[in-house]
Amino acid sequence: MPGALDGIRVLELTSMITGPLATMILADQGADVIKVEPPGAGDVMRYLGSQRGGMTALFASCNRSKRSIVIDLKNPDGKELIRELAKTADVFLQNYRVGVIDRLGLGAETLCAENPELIYVSLNAFGEQGPFASRPAYDHILQGMTGAAYVQAKETPEFMKQTWCDKSTAVTAAQAITAALLARERGAGGQHLHLSMLDAGLSFLWPDGHADTMLLEEDAVRLPPIADTYMPSPTADGYATIAAITEQQWTNLLIAVGKEEMLADPRFATTEARLENLNAFRDEISLSGAQYATQELIDRLGAVEVPCGPILRPAEVPDEAQVIANETLVTSEHPMMGRIREPRPPARFDATPAEIQRPAPSLGEHTGEVLESLGRSEAQIAALRDSGAVA
């Protein structure tokens, strides 16, 4: 059964995480994503991190379900091939620094004039104007500039040790692309989408990370954010995480760990009081929770509907009962990496199922196949290879 985006062609000229992850989401949903890589090394993510057989886990996790072709954009024949492919595409995605793609003759003005129905997507770090517009960046630069490092740790800034700015931008891009495709279906035609990691990251962080930044009146009541309660709770054999929010959950929590007397303590009598005395409250709960094994504590709290769960090491996650019940992870045989395990597409469609279409490709694996679809003969493809336009 075809996916929701079956029949949509995406031409991707991106590297690293943001662009590749965005188009992988589309590919899992049925789009034909053609990933264009430079000759030689290709996407640098092919070489960063844990790997086997010449492919990294990071690259494979952001580039499955796609086809890979190698084209030299500095070669006139290579640029002409991109323009020809763009005429057949529904979406064109690029993440070059501001101005670079225009100097290559592949900017939105050029390609959209040749294909008025094209959804042209420009991804960048900081936006297209301003003092940082032409600068390079990676995820943690944006974590710093969005305020996230101080949300993580109030006194001394601390980075979240994962590329959340990249990934939140990728999800935002995928949603924006499908919205633009829907608008085109309704008669709006093609358009140029502009998206920066700074804008997407700040928007993602804003609701809870910038609650005080949002409130501009001096008489606003400012309380510690709910996220300040996100602390591991020690158990007899590890750690658990507990998230009591409602009054009933707070009450049930205290009763379940044998701290009923705290219900009468004015320091903990209301949500506001508990947040103002959060450290003292946490210390009391930690002392009580530590007498139970992790599973026992979770069972006690779960029985009275207090949200909770185990804190797992990454290697423990595949064996977690709920992960198994959801069939979240699937195992397959990759032609380069051997046996691999990865999450299946998270959104479950009843009528148009998303699924992993094919394993992450080797560099230039589909160059010949794609060029044949453009009508190039074997001799013409060989000539293009000899000239260095493709590989």
Protein backbone atom coordinates (compact mmCIF):
# COMPACT_ATOMS: atom_id res chain seq x y z
CA MET A 1 0.00 0.00 0.00
CA PRO A 2 1.58 3.36 -1.02
CA GLY A 3 2.55 5.94 1.57
CA ALA A 4 0.92 9.34 2.01
CA LEU A 5 3.57 11.07 -0.16
CA ASP A 6 3.74 8.46 -2.89
CA GLY A 7 4.36 10.21 -6.23
CA ILE A 8 6.17 13.19 -4.69
CA ARG A 9 9.79 13.68 -5.77
CA VAL A 10 12.22 15.51 -3.51
CA LEU A 11 15.64 16.70 -4.67
CA GLU A 12 17.88 17.12 -1.62
CA LEU A 13 21.13 19.11 -1.68
CA THR A 14 21.87 19.05 2.05
CA SER A 15 24.33 17.54 4.50
CA MET A 16 24.75 17.02 8.25
CA ILE A 17 21.47 16.37 10.13
CA THR A 18 18.73 18.99 9.62
CA GLY A 19 18.07 18.65 5.90
CA PRO A 20 18.73 14.89 5.67
CA LEU A 21 16.45 14.12 8.62
CA ALA A 22 13.67 16.32 7.20
CA THR A 23 13.74 14.53 3.85
CA MET A 24 14.04 11.11 5.50
CA ILE A 25 10.70 11.76 7.19
CA LEU A 26 9.23 12.48 3.75
CA ALA A 27 10.92 9.41 2.26
CA ASP A 28 9.52 7.12 4.95
CA GLN A 29 6.09 8.52 4.05
CA GLY A 30 6.52 7.46 0.44
CA ALA A 31 8.30 10.36 -1.30
CA ASP A 32 11.05 9.59 -3.81
CA VAL A 33 13.99 11.44 -2.24
CA ILE A 34 17.08 11.85 -4.40
CA LYS A 35 20.04 12.87 -2.25
CA VAL A 36 22.68 14.77 -4.22
CA GLU A 37 26.19 14.46 -2.76
CA PRO A 38 29.52 15.98 -3.83
CA PRO A 39 32.20 13.76 -5.35
CA GLY A 40 34.87 12.35 -3.07
CA ALA A 41 33.66 12.21 0.52
CA GLY A 42 29.97 12.90 0.02
CA ASP A 43 27.96 13.97 3.07
CA VAL A 44 30.40 14.39 5.97
CA MET A 45 27.98 12.51 8.24
CA ARG A 46 29.11 9.35 6.48
CA TYR A 47 32.31 9.50 8.54
CA LEU A 48 31.35 10.89 11.98
CA GLY A 49 30.61 8.51 14.83
CA SER A 50 30.17 4.79 15.37
CA GLN A 51 30.29 2.88 12.11
CA ARG A 52 30.65 -0.44 10.35
CA GLY A 53 31.39 -1.33 6.76
CA GLY A 54 32.14 2.27 5.80
CA MET A 55 28.84 3.81 6.99
CA THR A 56 28.08 5.53 10.29
CA ALA A 57 25.01 4.92 12.40
CA LEU A 58 24.33 8.68 12.35
CA PHE A 59 24.27 8.85 8.55
CA ALA A 60 22.10 5.75 8.30
CA SER A 61 19.65 7.15 10.87
CA CYS A 62 19.09 10.30 8.79
CA ASN A 63 19.24 8.95 5.24
CA ARG A 64 17.31 5.70 4.94
CA SER A 65 14.59 5.33 2.29
CA LYS A 66 16.51 7.60 -0.16
CA ARG A 67 18.49 7.27 -3.36
CA SER A 68 22.01 8.76 -3.57
CA ILE A 69 23.59 10.33 -6.62
CA VAL A 70 26.95 12.09 -6.90
CA ILE A 71 27.06 15.31 -8.94
CA ASP A 72 29.80 17.94 -9.07
CA LEU A 73 28.02 21.30 -8.85
CA LYS A 74 31.17 23.09 -10.01
CA ASN A 75 31.01 21.22 -13.30
CA PRO A 76 28.73 22.90 -15.91
CA ASP A 77 27.32 19.53 -16.95
CA GLY A 78 26.68 18.72 -13.30
CA LYS A 79 24.77 21.96 -12.75
CA GLU A 80 22.73 21.31 -15.85
CA LEU A 81 21.76 17.90 -14.49
CA ILE A 82 20.53 19.52 -11.26
CA ARG A 83 18.38 21.95 -13.25
CA GLU A 84 17.00 19.08 -15.29
CA LEU A 85 16.20 17.06 -12.13
CA ALA A 86 14.60 20.11 -10.51
CA LYS A 87 12.16 20.32 -13.40
CA THR A 88 10.94 16.82 -12.47
CA ALA A 89 10.83 17.52 -8.73
CA ASP A 90 8.04 18.64 -6.44
CA VAL A 91 10.43 19.78 -3.68
CA PHE A 92 13.99 21.14 -3.82
CA LEU A 93 15.81 21.40 -0.48
CA GLN A 94 19.21 23.04 0.07
CA ASN A 95 21.17 24.12 3.15
CA TYR A 96 24.10 26.03 1.68
CA ARG A 97 25.23 29.22 3.40
CA VAL A 98 23.31 32.30 2.33
CA GLY A 99 24.23 33.36 -1.24
CA VAL A 100 26.18 30.23 -2.21
CA ILE A 101 23.37 28.45 -4.05
CA ASP A 102 22.59 31.61 -6.05
CA ARG A 103 26.22 31.91 -7.11
CA LEU A 104 26.00 28.32 -8.35
CA GLY A 105 23.07 29.34 -10.56
CA LEU A 106 20.64 27.09 -8.65
CA GLY A 107 18.77 29.66 -6.58
CA ALA A 108 15.03 29.79 -6.08
CA GLU A 109 14.51 32.48 -8.70
CA THR A 110 16.13 30.32 -11.37
CA LEU A 111 14.65 26.94 -10.53
CA CYS A 112 11.15 28.20 -9.73
CA ALA A 113 11.05 30.07 -13.05
CA GLU A 114 11.77 26.76 -14.79
CA ASN A 115 9.31 24.83 -12.61
CA PRO A 116 6.59 27.14 -11.22
CA GLU A 117 5.06 24.27 -9.19
CA LEU A 118 8.32 23.67 -7.30
CA ILE A 119 8.43 23.94 -3.49
CA TYR A 120 11.92 25.40 -3.00
CA VAL A 121 13.22 25.13 0.59
CA SER A 122 16.17 27.11 1.94
CA LEU A 123 17.53 25.94 5.29
CA ASN A 124 20.23 27.85 7.12
CA ALA A 125 21.53 28.47 10.62
CA PHE A 126 20.69 32.09 11.44
CA GLY A 127 18.39 33.48 8.75
CA GLU A 128 19.10 35.39 5.55
CA GLN A 129 19.93 38.80 6.98
CA GLY A 130 21.59 40.19 10.09
CA PRO A 131 25.14 39.98 11.50
CA PHE A 132 25.28 36.16 11.61
CA ALA A 133 23.52 35.46 8.32
CA SER A 134 26.55 34.26 6.36
CA ARG A 135 28.29 32.46 9.23
CA PRO A 136 28.60 28.68 9.60
CA ALA A 137 27.15 26.98 12.67
CA TYR A 138 26.47 23.68 14.35
CA ASP A 139 23.76 22.63 16.78
CA HIS A 140 25.39 23.74 20.03
CA ILE A 141 26.00 27.25 18.66
CA LEU A 142 22.22 27.55 18.30
CA GLN A 143 21.65 25.99 21.72
CA GLY A 144 23.68 28.84 23.14
CA MET A 145 21.93 31.57 21.15
CA THR A 146 18.39 30.38 21.94
CA GLY A 147 18.98 30.41 25.69
CA ALA A 148 18.75 26.63 25.92
CA ALA A 149 22.08 26.23 27.72
CA TYR A 150 20.77 28.32 30.63
CA VAL A 151 17.44 26.51 30.60
CA GLN A 152 19.43 23.31 31.12
CA ALA A 153 21.45 24.74 34.02
CA LYS A 154 20.57 28.11 35.53
CA GLU A 155 23.94 29.18 36.93
CA THR A 156 26.54 27.67 34.65
CA PRO A 157 25.33 27.07 31.08
CA GLU A 158 25.19 23.47 30.01
CA PHE A 159 24.46 22.01 26.59
CA MET A 160 21.95 19.27 25.96
CA LYS A 161 24.16 16.48 24.69
CA GLN A 162 22.20 15.81 21.54
CA THR A 163 21.44 17.82 18.42
CA TRP A 164 17.96 19.02 19.38
CA CYS A 165 18.17 22.26 17.34
CA ASP A 166 19.00 20.27 14.22
CA LYS A 167 16.23 17.77 14.85
CA SER A 168 13.52 20.26 15.81
CA THR A 169 14.33 22.22 12.64
CA ALA A 170 14.09 19.02 10.61
CA VAL A 171 10.63 18.20 11.95
CA THR A 172 9.54 21.82 11.36
CA ALA A 173 10.83 21.62 7.79
CA ALA A 174 9.03 18.36 7.07
CA GLN A 175 5.74 19.79 8.35
CA ALA A 176 6.20 23.03 6.38
CA ILE A 177 6.93 21.10 3.19
CA THR A 178 3.79 19.00 3.48
CA ALA A 179 1.77 22.16 4.24
CA ALA A 180 3.20 23.80 1.10
CA LEU A 181 2.37 20.70 -0.93
CA LEU A 182 -1.21 20.84 0.36
CA ALA A 183 -1.43 24.55 -0.52
CA ARG A 184 -0.15 23.73 -4.02
CA GLU A 185 -2.79 21.03 -4.33
CA ARG A 186 -5.38 23.70 -3.52
CA GLY A 187 -4.10 25.98 -6.26
CA ALA A 188 -1.43 28.13 -4.58
CA GLY A 189 1.31 26.91 -6.90
CA GLY A 190 4.94 26.56 -5.95
CA GLN A 191 6.66 28.77 -3.41
CA HIS A 192 9.92 29.45 -1.63
CA LEU A 193 10.13 28.34 2.04
CA HIS A 194 12.73 29.98 4.27
CA LEU A 195 13.68 28.30 7.57
CA SER A 196 16.52 28.89 10.01
CA MET A 197 17.69 26.78 12.92
CA LEU A 198 17.59 29.90 15.10
CA ASP A 199 13.90 30.51 14.40
CA ALA A 200 12.86 26.86 14.60
CA GLY A 201 14.95 26.16 17.71
CA LEU A 202 13.69 29.23 19.54
CA SER A 203 10.10 28.44 18.62
CA PHE A 204 10.54 24.88 19.87
CA LEU A 205 12.12 26.00 23.15
CA TRP A 206 9.76 28.92 23.77
CA PRO A 207 6.59 27.53 25.46
CA ASP A 208 8.32 26.25 28.59
CA GLY A 209 11.91 27.46 28.25
CA HIS A 210 10.96 31.12 27.78
CA ALA A 211 7.86 31.49 29.95
CA ASP A 212 9.40 34.45 31.82
CA THR A 213 10.67 36.00 28.59
CA MET A 214 7.12 35.97 27.26
CA LEU A 215 5.56 37.86 30.20
CA LEU A 216 6.35 41.57 29.85
CA GLU A 217 4.24 43.10 32.63
CA GLU A 218 6.05 43.86 35.91
CA ASP A 219 3.29 42.39 38.08
CA ALA A 220 3.51 38.95 36.46
CA VAL A 221 3.78 36.10 38.99
CA ARG A 222 7.02 34.30 38.20
CA LEU A 223 7.48 30.74 39.46
CA PRO A 224 10.08 28.09 38.75
CA PRO A 225 9.28 26.22 35.54
CA ILE A 226 7.76 22.76 35.70
CA ALA A 227 10.97 21.43 34.17
CA ASP A 228 12.77 22.22 37.44
CA THR A 229 11.05 19.13 38.81
CA TYR A 230 12.82 17.01 36.19
CA MET A 231 15.28 15.33 38.54
CA PRO A 232 16.22 11.64 38.83
CA SER A 233 14.79 9.93 41.91
CA PRO A 234 17.23 7.42 43.39
CA THR A 235 15.96 3.92 44.04
CA ALA A 236 17.55 0.94 45.76
CA ASP A 237 18.89 -0.34 42.44
CA GLY A 238 18.96 2.63 40.07
CA TYR A 239 16.83 5.65 39.24
CA ALA A 240 13.24 6.48 38.41
CA THR A 241 11.56 9.62 37.16
CA ILE A 242 8.35 10.92 38.76
CA ALA A 243 6.07 13.68 37.42
CA ALA A 244 3.27 14.63 39.81
CA ILE A 245 1.42 17.67 38.43
CA THR A 246 -2.18 17.68 39.68
CA GLU A 247 -3.15 17.97 43.35
CA GLN A 248 -4.43 14.39 43.29
CA GLN A 249 -1.12 13.15 41.88
CA TRP A 250 0.85 15.02 44.56
CA THR A 251 -1.37 13.52 47.27
CA ASN A 252 -1.15 10.00 45.86
CA LEU A 253 2.63 10.30 45.55
CA LEU A 254 3.09 11.23 49.20
CA ILE A 255 0.80 8.47 50.38
CA ALA A 256 2.47 5.87 48.14
CA VAL A 257 5.96 6.57 49.55
CA GLY A 258 4.74 6.82 53.16
CA LYS A 259 5.06 10.59 53.57
CA GLU A 260 1.45 11.47 54.39
CA GLU A 261 2.57 13.94 57.06
CA MET A 262 3.89 16.22 54.32
CA LEU A 263 0.31 16.88 53.24
CA ALA A 264 -0.11 19.07 56.32
CA ASP A 265 3.23 20.85 55.95
CA PRO A 266 2.57 24.45 54.77
CA ARG A 267 5.77 24.30 52.68
CA PHE A 268 4.12 21.65 50.49
CA ALA A 269 0.41 22.39 50.83
CA THR A 270 -0.05 23.95 47.35
CA THR A 271 1.57 23.69 43.94
CA GLU A 272 3.09 27.16 44.36
CA ALA A 273 4.46 26.28 47.81
CA ARG A 274 5.96 23.03 46.52
CA LEU A 275 7.69 24.82 43.66
CA GLU A 276 9.04 27.48 46.01
CA ASN A 277 10.39 24.75 48.31
CA LEU A 278 11.27 22.34 45.55
CA ASN A 279 14.66 21.25 46.87
CA ALA A 280 13.29 20.41 50.32
CA PHE A 281 10.36 18.53 48.76
CA ARG A 282 12.68 16.61 46.45
CA ASP A 283 15.00 15.65 49.31
CA GLU A 284 12.10 14.20 51.30
CA ILE A 285 10.76 12.19 48.38
CA SER A 286 14.22 10.94 47.41
CA LEU A 287 14.86 9.58 50.90
CA SER A 288 11.57 7.70 50.86
CA GLY A 289 11.81 6.45 47.27
CA ALA A 290 15.32 5.11 47.76
CA GLN A 291 14.03 2.30 49.98
CA TYR A 292 12.28 0.68 46.99
CA ALA A 293 13.70 -1.11 43.97
CA THR A 294 12.98 0.75 40.72
CA GLN A 295 10.27 -1.62 39.52
CA GLU A 296 8.64 -1.76 42.95
CA LEU A 297 8.48 2.03 43.15
CA ILE A 298 7.04 2.26 39.64
CA ASP A 299 4.44 -0.37 40.47
CA ARG A 300 3.42 1.48 43.66
CA LEU A 301 3.10 4.83 41.91
CA GLY A 302 1.48 3.38 38.79
CA ALA A 303 -1.19 1.74 40.94
CA VAL A 304 -2.33 5.19 42.13
CA GLU A 305 -1.90 6.85 38.72
CA VAL A 306 1.17 8.93 39.50
CA PRO A 307 3.13 9.40 36.22
CA CYS A 308 6.49 7.65 36.53
CA GLY A 309 8.97 5.48 34.69
CA PRO A 310 12.42 3.94 34.91
CA ILE A 311 15.51 5.91 33.92
CA LEU A 312 17.16 3.61 31.41
CA ARG A 313 20.64 3.47 29.99
CA PRO A 314 20.58 3.59 26.17
CA ALA A 315 21.51 -0.10 25.95
CA GLU A 316 18.49 -0.97 28.14
CA VAL A 317 15.89 0.83 26.01
CA PRO A 318 15.34 -1.96 23.40
CA ASP A 319 14.39 -4.38 26.19
CA GLU A 320 11.88 -2.05 27.88
CA ALA A 321 8.48 -3.76 27.90
CA GLN A 322 6.58 -0.76 26.52
CA VAL A 323 9.06 -0.29 23.66
CA ILE A 324 8.61 -3.96 22.79
CA ALA A 325 4.81 -3.70 23.04
CA ASN A 326 4.80 -0.72 20.67
CA GLU A 327 7.11 -2.51 18.23
CA THR A 328 8.96 0.82 18.12
CA LEU A 329 12.27 -0.68 16.99
CA VAL A 330 12.83 -2.89 13.97
CA THR A 331 15.86 -4.97 13.02
CA SER A 332 17.06 -5.38 9.45
CA GLU A 333 20.09 -6.39 7.42
CA HIS A 334 21.99 -3.44 5.94
CA PRO A 335 24.23 -4.29 2.92
CA MET A 336 27.16 -2.35 4.41
CA MET A 337 26.56 -2.30 8.16
CA GLY A 338 25.18 -5.81 8.69
CA ARG A 339 22.42 -6.21 11.26
CA ILE A 340 21.07 -2.87 12.48
CA ARG A 341 18.26 -1.75 14.77
CA GLU A 342 16.37 1.51 14.31
CA PRO A 343 13.02 3.15 15.08
CA ARG A 344 10.31 2.67 12.53
CA PRO A 345 8.46 5.80 11.36
CA PRO A 346 6.69 7.07 14.51
CA ALA A 347 3.42 8.20 12.89
CA ARG A 348 1.15 5.22 12.22
CA PHE A 349 -1.14 5.79 9.19
CA ASP A 350 -4.06 3.40 8.76
CA ALA A 351 -4.68 3.99 5.06
CA THR A 352 -1.28 5.18 3.79
CA PRO A 353 1.33 3.49 6.00
CA ALA A 354 4.78 4.98 6.45
CA GLU A 355 7.60 2.48 6.32
CA ILE A 356 11.32 2.23 5.73
CA GLN A 357 11.55 2.09 1.93
CA ARG A 358 15.18 1.02 1.58
CA PRO A 359 18.41 1.11 3.62
CA ALA A 360 20.57 4.22 3.70
CA PRO A 361 22.43 4.28 0.36
CA SER A 362 26.12 4.01 -0.38
CA LEU A 363 27.69 7.10 -1.95
CA GLY A 364 26.40 7.48 -5.51
CA GLU A 365 24.61 4.12 -5.39
CA HIS A 366 21.79 5.35 -7.63
CA THR A 367 23.59 7.78 -9.96
CA GLY A 368 23.17 5.60 -13.03
CA GLU A 369 19.58 4.68 -12.20
CA VAL A 370 18.51 8.32 -11.79
CA LEU A 371 20.30 9.47 -14.94
CA GLU A 372 18.65 6.68 -16.91
CA SER A 373 15.28 8.03 -15.72
CA LEU A 374 16.25 11.33 -17.36
CA GLY A 375 16.78 9.51 -20.64
CA ARG A 376 20.58 9.30 -20.57
CA SER A 377 22.08 6.33 -22.39
CA GLU A 378 24.84 4.14 -20.97
CA ALA A 379 27.32 5.91 -23.24
CA GLN A 380 26.17 9.35 -22.10
CA ILE A 381 26.38 8.33 -18.43
CA ALA A 382 29.88 6.99 -19.01
CA ALA A 383 30.88 10.29 -20.63
CA LEU A 384 29.50 12.23 -17.68
CA ARG A 385 31.51 10.02 -15.32
CA ASP A 386 34.65 10.50 -17.38
CA SER A 387 34.23 14.28 -17.29
CA GLY A 388 33.83 14.25 -13.51
CA ALA A 389 30.31 15.68 -13.66
CA VAL A 390 28.93 12.63 -11.86
CA ALA A 391 30.27 9.62 -9.97
